[in-house]
């Protein structure tokens, strides 16, 4: 796969990711939910950008996370360039790296810029390029919206640890960028021998 095709794939994913996030941000109030099917909902939430909504504590935690991600994206970008330049790299590897790079970059855009281009989504629709932004540069929140609660109920009491508790499978809420990263990592795991055939 050529570098041009890899860049095209990254661009398309970034475009879909950002269009979907901007649409949700400007058409949904934070916490608003639309049921597409019983097992698929659009649910608007925001997070600081770490997996499962975790946060780095402290005044500079968010800034550290964003700067770390920028460095990581630079490293992934170099990995992509190097893999294409080698000429013998598998398309599995190049596609996987492209997906991971697009996903990481998509969430970085939220973290870096959303705080200065959107106003708050609490109790109102956000406005793009608002004159009252909710944050500062490098302190934006990542927009998530896809929710697939395939099953929800009370687990049987005989189950150890979780018995009798309220449980939802699958309760993660994510975005297009997250899907790209997960798919890229999945390709590297499932097609490991083809991706790293050397």
N, C-alpha and C. Protein backbone atom coordinates (compact mmCIF):
# COMPACT_ATOMS: atom_id res chain seq x y z
N UNK A 1 0.84 -1.18 0.00
CA UNK A 1 0.00 0.00 0.00
C UNK A 1 0.89 1.25 0.00
N UNK A 2 0.54 2.22 -0.82
CA UNK A 2 1.34 3.42 -0.92
C UNK A 2 1.03 4.38 0.23
N UNK A 3 1.93 5.32 0.46
CA UNK A 3 1.72 6.32 1.50
C UNK A 3 0.52 7.20 1.15
N UNK A 4 0.31 7.46 -0.13
CA UNK A 4 -0.82 8.29 -0.56
C UNK A 4 -2.15 7.62 -0.19
N UNK A 5 -2.25 6.31 -0.41
CA UNK A 5 -3.48 5.59 -0.06
C UNK A 5 -3.68 5.56 1.46
N UNK A 6 -2.57 5.40 2.19
CA UNK A 6 -2.66 5.41 3.65
C UNK A 6 -3.16 6.77 4.14
N UNK A 7 -2.63 7.84 3.56
CA UNK A 7 -3.07 9.19 3.93
C UNK A 7 -4.53 9.42 3.58
N UNK A 8 -4.96 8.87 2.44
CA UNK A 8 -6.36 9.00 2.04
C UNK A 8 -7.28 8.30 3.04
N UNK A 9 -6.89 7.10 3.47
CA UNK A 9 -7.66 6.38 4.47
C UNK A 9 -7.74 7.17 5.78
N UNK A 10 -6.60 7.73 6.20
CA UNK A 10 -6.56 8.53 7.43
C UNK A 10 -7.46 9.75 7.29
N UNK A 11 -7.40 10.43 6.15
CA UNK A 11 -8.20 11.63 5.93
C UNK A 11 -9.69 11.32 5.97
N UNK A 12 -10.11 10.23 5.31
CA UNK A 12 -11.54 9.86 5.30
C UNK A 12 -12.03 9.56 6.71
N UNK A 13 -11.23 8.79 7.47
CA UNK A 13 -11.61 8.47 8.85
C UNK A 13 -11.70 9.72 9.72
N UNK A 14 -10.72 10.62 9.57
CA UNK A 14 -10.75 11.87 10.33
C UNK A 14 -11.98 12.70 9.98
N UNK A 15 -12.30 12.76 8.70
CA UNK A 15 -13.46 13.53 8.26
C UNK A 15 -14.75 12.98 8.86
N UNK A 16 -14.94 11.66 8.76
CA UNK A 16 -16.14 11.02 9.32
C UNK A 16 -16.19 11.22 10.83
N UNK A 17 -15.04 11.06 11.49
CA UNK A 17 -14.98 11.23 12.95
C UNK A 17 -15.38 12.64 13.35
N UNK A 18 -14.78 13.65 12.72
CA UNK A 18 -15.04 15.02 13.13
C UNK A 18 -16.44 15.50 12.74
N UNK A 19 -16.93 15.08 11.58
CA UNK A 19 -18.30 15.45 11.19
C UNK A 19 -19.30 14.87 12.17
N UNK A 20 -19.11 13.60 12.55
CA UNK A 20 -20.04 12.97 13.50
C UNK A 20 -19.99 13.65 14.86
N UNK A 21 -18.79 14.01 15.33
CA UNK A 21 -18.65 14.67 16.63
C UNK A 21 -19.26 16.07 16.62
N UNK A 22 -18.99 16.82 15.57
CA UNK A 22 -19.54 18.18 15.48
C UNK A 22 -21.07 18.13 15.39
N UNK A 23 -21.58 17.16 14.64
CA UNK A 23 -23.05 17.02 14.55
C UNK A 23 -23.64 16.73 15.93
N UNK A 24 -23.06 15.77 16.65
CA UNK A 24 -23.57 15.42 17.98
C UNK A 24 -23.46 16.62 18.92
N UNK A 25 -22.33 17.28 18.90
CA UNK A 25 -22.08 18.41 19.82
C UNK A 25 -23.05 19.56 19.57
N UNK A 26 -23.44 19.79 18.33
CA UNK A 26 -24.31 20.92 18.00
C UNK A 26 -25.79 20.55 17.89
N UNK A 27 -26.12 19.27 18.07
CA UNK A 27 -27.52 18.85 17.97
C UNK A 27 -28.03 18.08 19.19
N UNK A 28 -27.14 17.78 20.14
CA UNK A 28 -27.51 17.05 21.35
C UNK A 28 -27.06 17.84 22.58
N UNK A 29 -27.87 17.81 23.60
CA UNK A 29 -27.46 18.33 24.90
C UNK A 29 -26.73 17.19 25.63
N UNK A 30 -25.73 17.53 26.41
CA UNK A 30 -24.94 16.52 27.12
C UNK A 30 -25.85 15.58 27.90
N UNK A 31 -25.70 14.27 27.65
CA UNK A 31 -26.53 13.26 28.31
C UNK A 31 -27.76 12.89 27.52
N UNK A 32 -28.04 13.60 26.42
CA UNK A 32 -29.23 13.28 25.61
C UNK A 32 -29.03 11.95 24.88
N UNK A 33 -30.10 11.19 24.76
CA UNK A 33 -30.03 9.84 24.19
C UNK A 33 -31.13 9.64 23.16
N UNK A 34 -30.78 9.00 22.05
CA UNK A 34 -31.75 8.63 21.02
C UNK A 34 -31.63 7.13 20.79
N UNK A 35 -32.73 6.41 20.89
CA UNK A 35 -32.71 4.97 20.68
C UNK A 35 -32.91 4.66 19.20
N UNK A 36 -31.88 4.09 18.58
CA UNK A 36 -31.97 3.67 17.17
C UNK A 36 -32.62 2.29 17.13
N UNK A 37 -32.07 1.36 17.90
CA UNK A 37 -32.66 0.05 18.16
C UNK A 37 -32.57 -0.17 19.67
N UNK A 38 -33.20 -1.21 20.15
CA UNK A 38 -33.14 -1.48 21.60
C UNK A 38 -31.69 -1.72 22.05
N UNK A 39 -30.88 -2.27 21.14
CA UNK A 39 -29.50 -2.60 21.47
C UNK A 39 -28.48 -1.58 20.94
N UNK A 40 -28.95 -0.48 20.33
CA UNK A 40 -28.06 0.54 19.79
C UNK A 40 -28.65 1.92 20.04
N UNK A 41 -27.89 2.75 20.74
CA UNK A 41 -28.36 4.10 21.07
C UNK A 41 -27.27 5.12 20.74
N UNK A 42 -27.72 6.33 20.44
CA UNK A 42 -26.81 7.47 20.33
C UNK A 42 -26.93 8.21 21.65
N UNK A 43 -25.85 8.26 22.41
CA UNK A 43 -25.84 8.87 23.73
C UNK A 43 -24.64 9.82 23.81
N UNK A 44 -24.91 11.10 23.95
CA UNK A 44 -23.85 12.10 23.95
C UNK A 44 -23.22 12.24 25.33
N UNK A 45 -21.95 11.88 25.40
CA UNK A 45 -21.16 12.12 26.62
C UNK A 45 -19.83 12.75 26.22
N UNK A 46 -19.13 13.28 27.20
CA UNK A 46 -17.79 13.82 26.99
C UNK A 46 -16.87 13.25 28.05
N UNK A 47 -15.60 13.10 27.70
CA UNK A 47 -14.61 12.65 28.69
C UNK A 47 -13.28 13.34 28.45
N UNK A 48 -12.38 13.15 29.38
CA UNK A 48 -11.07 13.81 29.30
C UNK A 48 -10.13 13.17 28.29
N UNK A 49 -10.54 12.04 27.71
CA UNK A 49 -9.75 11.47 26.64
C UNK A 49 -8.99 10.21 26.96
N UNK A 50 -9.04 9.75 28.20
CA UNK A 50 -8.38 8.49 28.53
C UNK A 50 -9.40 7.36 28.45
N UNK A 51 -8.90 6.15 28.36
CA UNK A 51 -9.77 4.98 28.26
C UNK A 51 -10.69 4.89 29.46
N UNK A 52 -11.95 4.54 29.21
CA UNK A 52 -12.97 4.34 30.22
C UNK A 52 -13.23 5.59 31.07
N UNK A 53 -12.93 6.78 30.48
CA UNK A 53 -13.24 8.03 31.16
C UNK A 53 -12.37 8.35 32.36
N UNK A 54 -11.25 7.62 32.54
CA UNK A 54 -10.37 7.92 33.66
C UNK A 54 -9.64 9.24 33.42
N UNK A 55 -9.13 9.84 34.48
CA UNK A 55 -8.48 11.14 34.39
C UNK A 55 -7.14 11.11 35.11
N UNK A 56 -6.22 11.96 34.64
CA UNK A 56 -4.97 12.17 35.36
C UNK A 56 -5.23 13.31 36.34
N UNK A 57 -5.07 13.08 37.64
CA UNK A 57 -5.39 14.14 38.61
C UNK A 57 -4.41 15.30 38.54
N UNK A 58 -4.84 16.43 39.05
CA UNK A 58 -3.97 17.60 39.13
C UNK A 58 -4.27 18.62 38.06
N UNK A 59 -3.74 19.82 38.27
CA UNK A 59 -4.01 20.95 37.39
C UNK A 59 -3.47 20.72 35.98
N UNK A 60 -2.34 20.02 35.88
CA UNK A 60 -1.70 19.84 34.58
C UNK A 60 -1.90 18.43 34.01
N UNK A 61 -2.76 17.64 34.63
CA UNK A 61 -2.98 16.28 34.16
C UNK A 61 -3.47 16.21 32.73
N UNK A 62 -4.47 17.02 32.39
CA UNK A 62 -5.03 17.03 31.05
C UNK A 62 -4.01 17.50 30.02
N UNK A 63 -3.24 18.54 30.38
CA UNK A 63 -2.21 19.05 29.48
C UNK A 63 -1.15 17.99 29.23
N UNK A 64 -0.72 17.30 30.28
CA UNK A 64 0.27 16.23 30.15
C UNK A 64 -0.25 15.14 29.21
N UNK A 65 -1.51 14.73 29.39
CA UNK A 65 -2.11 13.69 28.56
C UNK A 65 -2.11 14.10 27.09
N UNK A 66 -2.51 15.34 26.81
CA UNK A 66 -2.59 15.81 25.43
C UNK A 66 -1.20 15.88 24.80
N UNK A 67 -0.22 16.39 25.53
CA UNK A 67 1.15 16.47 25.00
C UNK A 67 1.73 15.08 24.77
N UNK A 68 1.44 14.16 25.69
CA UNK A 68 1.90 12.78 25.51
C UNK A 68 1.30 12.18 24.24
N UNK A 69 0.01 12.46 24.01
CA UNK A 69 -0.64 11.92 22.81
C UNK A 69 -0.04 12.50 21.53
N UNK A 70 0.32 13.77 21.56
CA UNK A 70 0.94 14.39 20.38
C UNK A 70 2.27 13.72 20.06
N UNK A 71 3.06 13.45 21.10
CA UNK A 71 4.33 12.74 20.90
C UNK A 71 4.08 11.34 20.36
N UNK A 72 3.07 10.65 20.93
CA UNK A 72 2.74 9.29 20.49
C UNK A 72 2.31 9.28 19.03
N UNK A 73 1.51 10.26 18.62
CA UNK A 73 1.06 10.34 17.23
C UNK A 73 2.24 10.57 16.29
N UNK A 74 3.20 11.38 16.75
CA UNK A 74 4.42 11.56 15.95
C UNK A 74 5.15 10.23 15.76
N UNK A 75 5.24 9.44 16.81
CA UNK A 75 5.88 8.13 16.72
C UNK A 75 5.12 7.18 15.81
N UNK A 76 3.80 7.18 15.90
CA UNK A 76 2.98 6.30 15.04
C UNK A 76 3.10 6.75 13.58
N UNK A 77 3.14 8.08 13.38
CA UNK A 77 3.31 8.60 12.02
C UNK A 77 4.64 8.16 11.41
N UNK A 78 5.69 8.19 12.22
CA UNK A 78 7.00 7.71 11.74
C UNK A 78 6.94 6.22 11.44
N UNK A 79 6.27 5.45 12.30
CA UNK A 79 6.12 4.00 12.09
C UNK A 79 5.43 3.74 10.75
N UNK A 80 4.39 4.50 10.45
CA UNK A 80 3.68 4.35 9.17
C UNK A 80 4.62 4.66 8.00
N UNK A 81 5.30 5.79 8.08
CA UNK A 81 6.21 6.19 7.00
C UNK A 81 7.30 5.13 6.79
N UNK A 82 7.90 4.67 7.87
CA UNK A 82 8.96 3.67 7.80
C UNK A 82 8.46 2.36 7.22
N UNK A 83 7.25 1.95 7.61
CA UNK A 83 6.68 0.69 7.11
C UNK A 83 6.42 0.75 5.61
N UNK A 84 5.95 1.90 5.13
CA UNK A 84 5.71 2.05 3.68
C UNK A 84 7.04 2.09 2.93
N UNK A 85 8.03 2.79 3.48
CA UNK A 85 9.33 2.91 2.82
C UNK A 85 10.06 1.58 2.68
N UNK A 86 9.79 0.65 3.58
CA UNK A 86 10.47 -0.65 3.54
C UNK A 86 10.07 -1.47 2.32
N UNK A 87 8.97 -1.16 1.70
CA UNK A 87 8.47 -1.80 0.46
C UNK A 87 8.01 -3.25 0.66
N UNK A 88 8.52 -3.94 1.66
CA UNK A 88 8.12 -5.33 1.86
C UNK A 88 7.12 -5.48 3.00
N UNK A 89 6.64 -4.34 3.54
CA UNK A 89 5.68 -4.39 4.64
C UNK A 89 4.32 -4.86 4.15
N UNK A 90 3.66 -5.61 4.97
CA UNK A 90 2.33 -6.13 4.65
C UNK A 90 1.29 -5.02 4.64
N UNK A 91 0.29 -5.15 3.76
CA UNK A 91 -0.83 -4.21 3.75
C UNK A 91 -1.62 -4.27 5.06
N UNK A 92 -1.63 -5.45 5.69
CA UNK A 92 -2.29 -5.58 6.99
C UNK A 92 -1.66 -4.60 7.99
N UNK A 93 -0.32 -4.55 7.99
CA UNK A 93 0.39 -3.68 8.90
C UNK A 93 0.12 -2.21 8.59
N UNK A 94 0.20 -1.85 7.33
CA UNK A 94 0.02 -0.44 6.94
C UNK A 94 -1.40 0.03 7.22
N UNK A 95 -2.39 -0.80 6.92
CA UNK A 95 -3.79 -0.44 7.20
C UNK A 95 -4.00 -0.30 8.71
N UNK A 96 -3.45 -1.24 9.47
CA UNK A 96 -3.60 -1.20 10.93
C UNK A 96 -2.98 0.08 11.51
N UNK A 97 -1.76 0.41 11.09
CA UNK A 97 -1.11 1.63 11.59
C UNK A 97 -1.92 2.86 11.18
N UNK A 98 -2.42 2.88 9.95
CA UNK A 98 -3.22 4.01 9.47
C UNK A 98 -4.48 4.20 10.31
N UNK A 99 -5.15 3.10 10.66
CA UNK A 99 -6.35 3.18 11.49
C UNK A 99 -6.02 3.72 12.89
N UNK A 100 -4.93 3.21 13.48
CA UNK A 100 -4.53 3.66 14.81
C UNK A 100 -4.16 5.14 14.78
N UNK A 101 -3.41 5.55 13.75
CA UNK A 101 -3.00 6.95 13.63
C UNK A 101 -4.21 7.87 13.45
N UNK A 102 -5.14 7.48 12.59
CA UNK A 102 -6.34 8.29 12.36
C UNK A 102 -7.16 8.43 13.64
N UNK A 103 -7.32 7.32 14.36
CA UNK A 103 -8.10 7.36 15.60
C UNK A 103 -7.45 8.22 16.66
N UNK A 104 -6.15 8.06 16.84
CA UNK A 104 -5.43 8.86 17.84
C UNK A 104 -5.49 10.34 17.49
N UNK A 105 -5.31 10.66 16.23
CA UNK A 105 -5.33 12.05 15.79
C UNK A 105 -6.73 12.65 15.93
N UNK A 106 -7.76 11.83 15.64
CA UNK A 106 -9.14 12.31 15.78
C UNK A 106 -9.46 12.73 17.20
N UNK A 107 -9.05 11.95 18.18
CA UNK A 107 -9.30 12.31 19.58
C UNK A 107 -8.42 13.45 20.05
N UNK A 108 -7.23 13.58 19.46
CA UNK A 108 -6.35 14.71 19.80
C UNK A 108 -6.98 16.03 19.35
N UNK A 109 -7.63 16.03 18.20
CA UNK A 109 -8.29 17.26 17.72
C UNK A 109 -9.29 17.75 18.77
N UNK A 110 -10.08 16.82 19.34
CA UNK A 110 -11.03 17.20 20.40
C UNK A 110 -10.29 17.81 21.58
N UNK A 111 -9.25 17.11 22.04
CA UNK A 111 -8.52 17.53 23.24
C UNK A 111 -7.84 18.89 23.06
N UNK A 112 -7.32 19.13 21.89
CA UNK A 112 -6.58 20.37 21.65
C UNK A 112 -7.51 21.55 21.37
N UNK A 113 -8.52 21.34 20.50
CA UNK A 113 -9.28 22.48 19.98
C UNK A 113 -10.71 22.66 20.49
N UNK A 114 -11.37 21.58 20.92
CA UNK A 114 -12.79 21.72 21.25
C UNK A 114 -13.06 22.68 22.40
N UNK A 115 -12.12 22.79 23.31
CA UNK A 115 -12.29 23.70 24.44
C UNK A 115 -12.35 25.16 24.03
N UNK A 116 -11.77 25.51 22.87
CA UNK A 116 -11.74 26.92 22.44
C UNK A 116 -12.71 27.21 21.29
N UNK A 117 -13.34 26.16 20.71
CA UNK A 117 -14.27 26.44 19.60
C UNK A 117 -15.73 26.15 19.95
N UNK A 118 -15.98 25.48 21.08
CA UNK A 118 -17.36 25.18 21.49
C UNK A 118 -17.65 25.81 22.85
N UNK A 119 -18.90 26.19 23.06
CA UNK A 119 -19.34 26.54 24.40
C UNK A 119 -19.84 25.27 25.09
N UNK A 120 -20.29 25.40 26.31
CA UNK A 120 -20.69 24.25 27.12
C UNK A 120 -21.90 23.53 26.54
N UNK A 121 -21.97 22.21 26.76
CA UNK A 121 -23.10 21.40 26.30
C UNK A 121 -24.08 21.07 27.41
N UNK A 122 -23.84 21.59 28.61
CA UNK A 122 -24.74 21.35 29.74
C UNK A 122 -26.02 22.17 29.57
N UNK A 123 -27.15 21.48 29.48
CA UNK A 123 -28.47 22.10 29.43
C UNK A 123 -28.71 22.96 28.19
N UNK A 124 -27.83 22.91 27.20
CA UNK A 124 -28.03 23.68 25.97
C UNK A 124 -27.22 23.04 24.84
N UNK A 125 -27.61 23.37 23.60
CA UNK A 125 -26.85 22.91 22.45
C UNK A 125 -25.58 23.74 22.33
N UNK A 126 -24.48 23.10 22.05
CA UNK A 126 -23.22 23.82 21.88
C UNK A 126 -23.22 24.54 20.53
N UNK A 127 -22.48 25.62 20.47
CA UNK A 127 -22.34 26.41 19.25
C UNK A 127 -20.90 26.29 18.77
N UNK A 128 -20.73 26.01 17.48
CA UNK A 128 -19.40 25.94 16.89
C UNK A 128 -18.84 27.36 16.76
N UNK A 129 -17.60 27.56 17.10
CA UNK A 129 -16.93 28.86 17.11
C UNK A 129 -17.66 29.86 18.00
N UNK A 130 -17.96 29.40 19.19
CA UNK A 130 -18.66 30.23 20.18
C UNK A 130 -17.74 31.33 20.72
N UNK A 131 -18.34 32.47 21.09
CA UNK A 131 -17.57 33.53 21.71
C UNK A 131 -17.45 33.33 23.23
N UNK A 132 -18.03 32.22 23.73
CA UNK A 132 -17.90 31.84 25.14
C UNK A 132 -17.45 30.38 25.25
N UNK A 133 -16.22 30.09 24.86
CA UNK A 133 -15.75 28.70 24.89
C UNK A 133 -15.71 28.13 26.30
N UNK A 134 -15.84 26.80 26.39
CA UNK A 134 -15.91 26.17 27.71
C UNK A 134 -14.54 25.87 28.31
N UNK A 135 -13.49 25.97 27.51
CA UNK A 135 -12.16 25.62 28.01
C UNK A 135 -11.08 26.45 27.37
N UNK A 136 -9.88 25.90 27.39
CA UNK A 136 -8.73 26.57 26.80
C UNK A 136 -8.03 25.60 25.84
N UNK A 137 -7.05 26.11 25.11
CA UNK A 137 -6.28 25.28 24.19
C UNK A 137 -5.65 24.12 24.96
N UNK A 138 -5.72 22.91 24.42
CA UNK A 138 -5.20 21.67 25.03
C UNK A 138 -6.06 21.15 26.18
N UNK A 139 -7.21 21.77 26.42
CA UNK A 139 -8.07 21.33 27.53
C UNK A 139 -9.49 21.01 27.07
N UNK A 140 -9.64 20.56 25.82
CA UNK A 140 -10.95 20.17 25.33
C UNK A 140 -11.33 18.77 25.79
N UNK A 141 -12.61 18.45 25.64
CA UNK A 141 -13.09 17.12 26.02
C UNK A 141 -13.45 16.33 24.76
N UNK A 142 -13.24 15.02 24.84
CA UNK A 142 -13.51 14.13 23.71
C UNK A 142 -15.00 13.77 23.68
N UNK A 143 -15.59 13.86 22.50
CA UNK A 143 -17.01 13.57 22.31
C UNK A 143 -17.19 12.09 21.96
N UNK A 144 -18.06 11.41 22.71
CA UNK A 144 -18.42 10.01 22.44
C UNK A 144 -19.92 9.92 22.24
N UNK A 145 -20.35 8.91 21.45
CA UNK A 145 -21.79 8.84 21.17
C UNK A 145 -22.36 7.45 20.88
N UNK A 146 -21.57 6.48 20.50
CA UNK A 146 -22.12 5.17 20.13
C UNK A 146 -22.22 4.27 21.36
N UNK A 147 -23.41 3.74 21.59
CA UNK A 147 -23.67 2.94 22.79
C UNK A 147 -24.45 1.69 22.38
N UNK A 148 -23.90 0.52 22.70
CA UNK A 148 -24.51 -0.75 22.33
C UNK A 148 -24.82 -1.59 23.57
N UNK A 149 -25.88 -1.26 24.32
CA UNK A 149 -26.24 -2.06 25.50
C UNK A 149 -26.98 -3.32 25.07
N UNK A 150 -26.23 -4.35 24.64
CA UNK A 150 -26.83 -5.57 24.10
C UNK A 150 -27.74 -6.27 25.11
N UNK A 151 -27.33 -6.20 26.39
CA UNK A 151 -28.15 -6.85 27.43
C UNK A 151 -28.04 -6.05 28.71
N UNK A 152 -29.19 -5.87 29.37
CA UNK A 152 -29.20 -5.17 30.65
C UNK A 152 -30.13 -5.90 31.60
N UNK A 153 -29.67 -6.12 32.83
CA UNK A 153 -30.50 -6.80 33.81
C UNK A 153 -29.74 -7.06 35.10
N UNK A 154 -30.37 -7.82 35.98
CA UNK A 154 -29.75 -8.18 37.26
C UNK A 154 -29.12 -9.56 37.10
N UNK A 155 -27.84 -9.66 37.45
CA UNK A 155 -27.14 -10.94 37.33
C UNK A 155 -27.63 -11.90 38.41
N UNK A 156 -27.64 -13.21 38.11
CA UNK A 156 -28.09 -14.20 39.09
C UNK A 156 -27.24 -14.16 40.37
N UNK A 157 -27.87 -14.40 41.49
CA UNK A 157 -27.19 -14.34 42.78
C UNK A 157 -26.08 -15.38 42.94
N UNK A 158 -26.16 -16.50 42.20
CA UNK A 158 -25.16 -17.54 42.36
C UNK A 158 -23.81 -17.18 41.71
N UNK A 159 -23.77 -16.11 40.93
CA UNK A 159 -22.50 -15.70 40.32
C UNK A 159 -21.58 -15.09 41.39
N UNK A 160 -20.33 -15.55 41.46
CA UNK A 160 -19.41 -14.95 42.43
C UNK A 160 -19.10 -13.49 42.07
N UNK A 161 -18.89 -12.66 43.04
CA UNK A 161 -18.52 -11.24 42.93
C UNK A 161 -19.63 -10.34 42.38
N UNK A 162 -20.23 -10.70 41.22
CA UNK A 162 -21.20 -9.82 40.56
C UNK A 162 -22.65 -10.23 40.78
N UNK A 163 -22.88 -11.33 41.43
CA UNK A 163 -24.24 -11.84 41.63
C UNK A 163 -25.16 -10.83 42.28
N UNK A 164 -26.36 -10.67 41.72
CA UNK A 164 -27.36 -9.77 42.25
C UNK A 164 -27.18 -8.31 41.85
N UNK A 165 -26.14 -8.02 41.08
CA UNK A 165 -25.87 -6.64 40.70
C UNK A 165 -26.51 -6.29 39.35
N UNK A 166 -26.79 -5.01 39.19
CA UNK A 166 -27.28 -4.48 37.92
C UNK A 166 -26.11 -4.51 36.93
N UNK A 167 -26.35 -5.03 35.72
CA UNK A 167 -25.24 -5.22 34.77
C UNK A 167 -25.70 -4.91 33.34
N UNK A 168 -24.82 -4.24 32.59
CA UNK A 168 -25.07 -3.96 31.17
C UNK A 168 -23.92 -4.52 30.36
N UNK A 169 -24.24 -5.28 29.35
CA UNK A 169 -23.24 -5.77 28.40
C UNK A 169 -23.65 -5.23 27.02
N UNK A 170 -22.99 -4.47 26.51
CA UNK A 170 -21.69 -3.87 26.49
C UNK A 170 -21.90 -2.39 26.86
N UNK A 171 -21.25 -1.88 27.90
CA UNK A 171 -21.61 -0.55 28.38
C UNK A 171 -20.62 0.55 28.01
N UNK A 172 -19.66 0.28 27.14
CA UNK A 172 -18.73 1.32 26.68
C UNK A 172 -19.44 2.26 25.71
N UNK A 173 -19.11 3.53 25.79
CA UNK A 173 -19.62 4.53 24.85
C UNK A 173 -18.40 5.09 24.12
N UNK A 174 -18.45 5.11 22.79
CA UNK A 174 -17.24 5.41 22.02
C UNK A 174 -17.57 6.23 20.78
N UNK A 175 -16.55 6.55 19.98
CA UNK A 175 -16.71 7.35 18.77
C UNK A 175 -16.00 6.67 17.59
N UNK A 176 -16.02 7.31 16.44
CA UNK A 176 -15.40 6.74 15.23
C UNK A 176 -13.90 6.56 15.43
N UNK A 177 -13.25 7.53 16.07
CA UNK A 177 -11.81 7.43 16.32
C UNK A 177 -11.48 6.21 17.18
N UNK A 178 -12.29 5.98 18.21
CA UNK A 178 -12.08 4.81 19.07
C UNK A 178 -12.24 3.51 18.27
N UNK A 179 -13.23 3.48 17.39
CA UNK A 179 -13.45 2.29 16.55
C UNK A 179 -12.24 2.04 15.66
N UNK A 180 -11.67 3.13 15.11
CA UNK A 180 -10.51 2.98 14.23
C UNK A 180 -9.32 2.41 14.99
N UNK A 181 -9.07 2.93 16.19
CA UNK A 181 -7.96 2.43 17.01
C UNK A 181 -8.18 0.96 17.36
N UNK A 182 -9.38 0.62 17.80
CA UNK A 182 -9.68 -0.77 18.19
C UNK A 182 -9.55 -1.72 17.01
N UNK A 183 -10.02 -1.29 15.84
CA UNK A 183 -9.91 -2.13 14.64
C UNK A 183 -8.46 -2.32 14.25
N UNK A 184 -7.67 -1.24 14.31
CA UNK A 184 -6.25 -1.34 13.98
C UNK A 184 -5.52 -2.30 14.90
N UNK A 185 -5.76 -2.17 16.20
CA UNK A 185 -5.14 -3.08 17.17
C UNK A 185 -5.64 -4.51 16.95
N UNK A 186 -6.93 -4.65 16.65
CA UNK A 186 -7.50 -5.97 16.37
C UNK A 186 -6.83 -6.65 15.18
N UNK A 187 -6.55 -5.88 14.13
CA UNK A 187 -5.87 -6.42 12.95
C UNK A 187 -4.48 -6.92 13.34
N UNK A 188 -3.77 -6.13 14.14
CA UNK A 188 -2.41 -6.53 14.56
C UNK A 188 -2.42 -7.80 15.40
N UNK A 189 -3.50 -7.99 16.19
CA UNK A 189 -3.58 -9.18 17.04
C UNK A 189 -4.05 -10.40 16.24
N UNK A 190 -5.16 -10.25 15.52
CA UNK A 190 -5.77 -11.38 14.81
C UNK A 190 -4.93 -11.82 13.62
N UNK A 191 -4.39 -10.84 12.88
CA UNK A 191 -3.59 -11.15 11.69
C UNK A 191 -2.11 -10.89 11.94
N UNK A 192 -1.67 -11.23 13.15
CA UNK A 192 -0.31 -10.95 13.56
C UNK A 192 0.74 -11.50 12.60
N UNK A 193 0.58 -12.74 12.19
CA UNK A 193 1.59 -13.37 11.32
C UNK A 193 1.61 -12.74 9.94
N UNK A 194 0.45 -12.28 9.46
CA UNK A 194 0.41 -11.62 8.15
C UNK A 194 0.90 -10.19 8.25
N UNK A 195 0.58 -9.52 9.35
CA UNK A 195 1.02 -8.14 9.52
C UNK A 195 2.54 -8.06 9.69
N UNK A 196 3.10 -9.00 10.46
CA UNK A 196 4.53 -9.01 10.72
C UNK A 196 5.17 -10.24 10.07
N UNK A 197 4.92 -10.40 8.78
CA UNK A 197 5.33 -11.63 8.10
C UNK A 197 6.85 -11.83 8.05
N UNK A 198 7.60 -10.76 8.26
CA UNK A 198 9.07 -10.90 8.28
C UNK A 198 9.55 -11.38 9.64
